[in-house]
Amino acid sequence: MVRKKVTIYNPTGLHLRPAGIFCNTANQFVCKVLFEYDNMMANAKSVLSVLGACIKKGDCITLVCEGEDEDAALNAMIEAVESGLGE
């Protein structure tokens, strides 16, 4: 299991379009991809879970990946978040 804390920099947080990119990135991998926010753990492969977390600009989340391709998944998720998730 690997984990890393990242900050969301999108001006509007994780609304529908960036949430879709976030989930599409997670779905490219076999391993479990989760995120921890506000004392809750949720599935990063589920758009409803991401939208339900109501993550705003400046919020910190912890990405957690567990499985055979966990390192590649974590790196891809970090890169997606740091690149602005399409915004």
Protein backbone atom coordinates (compact mmCIF):
# COMPACT_ATOMS: atom_id res chain seq x y z
CA MET A 1 0.00 0.00 0.00
CA VAL A 2 1.26 3.46 -0.96
CA ARG A 3 -0.20 6.80 0.03
CA LYS A 4 0.47 10.47 -0.60
CA LYS A 5 -1.19 13.71 0.46
CA VAL A 6 -1.99 16.15 -2.37
CA THR A 7 -3.69 19.54 -2.54
CA ILE A 8 -6.48 20.28 -5.01
CA TYR A 9 -5.64 23.42 -7.00
CA ASN A 10 -8.61 23.53 -9.39
CA PRO A 11 -10.42 26.88 -9.07
CA THR A 12 -13.78 25.11 -8.70
CA GLY A 13 -12.62 22.01 -6.83
CA LEU A 14 -13.68 18.55 -7.97
CA HIS A 15 -16.92 19.29 -9.81
CA LEU A 16 -18.20 17.00 -12.57
CA ARG A 17 -15.56 17.44 -15.30
CA PRO A 18 -12.45 17.22 -13.09
CA ALA A 19 -14.08 14.45 -11.04
CA GLY A 20 -14.56 12.50 -14.28
CA ILE A 21 -10.89 12.92 -15.19
CA PHE A 22 -9.90 11.93 -11.64
CA CYS A 23 -11.99 8.74 -11.87
CA ASN A 24 -10.91 7.91 -15.43
CA THR A 25 -7.29 8.11 -14.30
CA ALA A 26 -7.99 5.78 -11.36
CA ASN A 27 -9.89 3.33 -13.57
CA GLN A 28 -6.83 2.77 -15.76
CA PHE A 29 -5.35 0.62 -13.00
CA VAL A 30 -6.16 -2.78 -11.54
CA CYS A 31 -5.29 -1.86 -7.96
CA LYS A 32 -7.64 -0.30 -5.44
CA VAL A 33 -7.48 3.49 -5.65
CA LEU A 34 -9.00 5.33 -2.71
CA PHE A 35 -8.87 8.82 -1.32
CA GLU A 36 -9.18 10.03 2.23
CA TYR A 37 -10.83 13.38 2.93
CA ASP A 38 -12.48 14.81 6.02
CA ASN A 39 -12.09 11.56 8.01
CA MET A 40 -13.74 9.49 5.27
CA MET A 41 -12.25 6.95 2.86
CA ALA A 42 -13.86 6.74 -0.59
CA ASN A 43 -13.40 4.99 -3.91
CA ALA A 44 -11.51 7.17 -6.41
CA LYS A 45 -12.95 5.08 -9.26
CA SER A 46 -16.51 6.26 -8.49
CA VAL A 47 -17.66 9.67 -9.75
CA LEU A 48 -20.46 9.70 -7.17
CA SER A 49 -17.96 9.13 -4.35
CA VAL A 50 -15.74 11.94 -5.61
CA LEU A 51 -18.62 14.38 -6.09
CA GLY A 52 -20.13 13.39 -2.74
CA ALA A 53 -16.94 14.37 -0.93
CA CYS A 54 -17.47 18.04 -1.95
CA ILE A 55 -13.74 18.70 -2.36
CA LYS A 56 -12.96 22.38 -2.92
CA LYS A 57 -9.92 24.36 -4.05
CA GLY A 58 -7.17 24.22 -1.43
CA ASP A 59 -8.44 21.03 0.21
CA CYS A 60 -5.91 18.29 0.93
CA ILE A 61 -6.73 14.68 0.16
CA THR A 62 -4.68 11.56 0.74
CA LEU A 63 -4.47 9.19 -2.22
CA VAL A 64 -4.18 5.52 -1.25
CA CYS A 65 -3.34 2.78 -3.77
CA GLU A 66 -3.15 -0.92 -2.98
CA GLY A 67 -2.46 -3.74 -5.41
CA GLU A 68 -0.18 -4.95 -8.15
CA ASP A 69 0.21 -1.63 -10.00
CA GLU A 70 -0.08 0.65 -6.96
CA ASP A 71 3.07 2.69 -7.63
CA ALA A 72 2.09 3.50 -11.22
CA ALA A 73 -1.45 4.33 -10.09
CA LEU A 74 -0.27 6.68 -7.36
CA ASN A 75 2.11 8.47 -9.72
CA ALA A 76 -0.62 8.89 -12.36
CA MET A 77 -3.11 10.19 -9.80
CA ILE A 78 -0.59 12.70 -8.42
CA GLU A 79 0.26 13.88 -11.92
CA ALA A 80 -3.43 14.27 -12.80
CA VAL A 81 -4.16 16.30 -9.67
CA GLU A 82 -1.05 18.47 -9.99
CA SER A 83 -1.78 19.16 -13.67
CA GLY A 84 -5.18 20.61 -12.72
CA LEU A 85 -7.46 17.77 -13.88
CA GLY A 86 -8.17 19.38 -17.22
CA GLU A 87 -8.64 22.94 -15.98
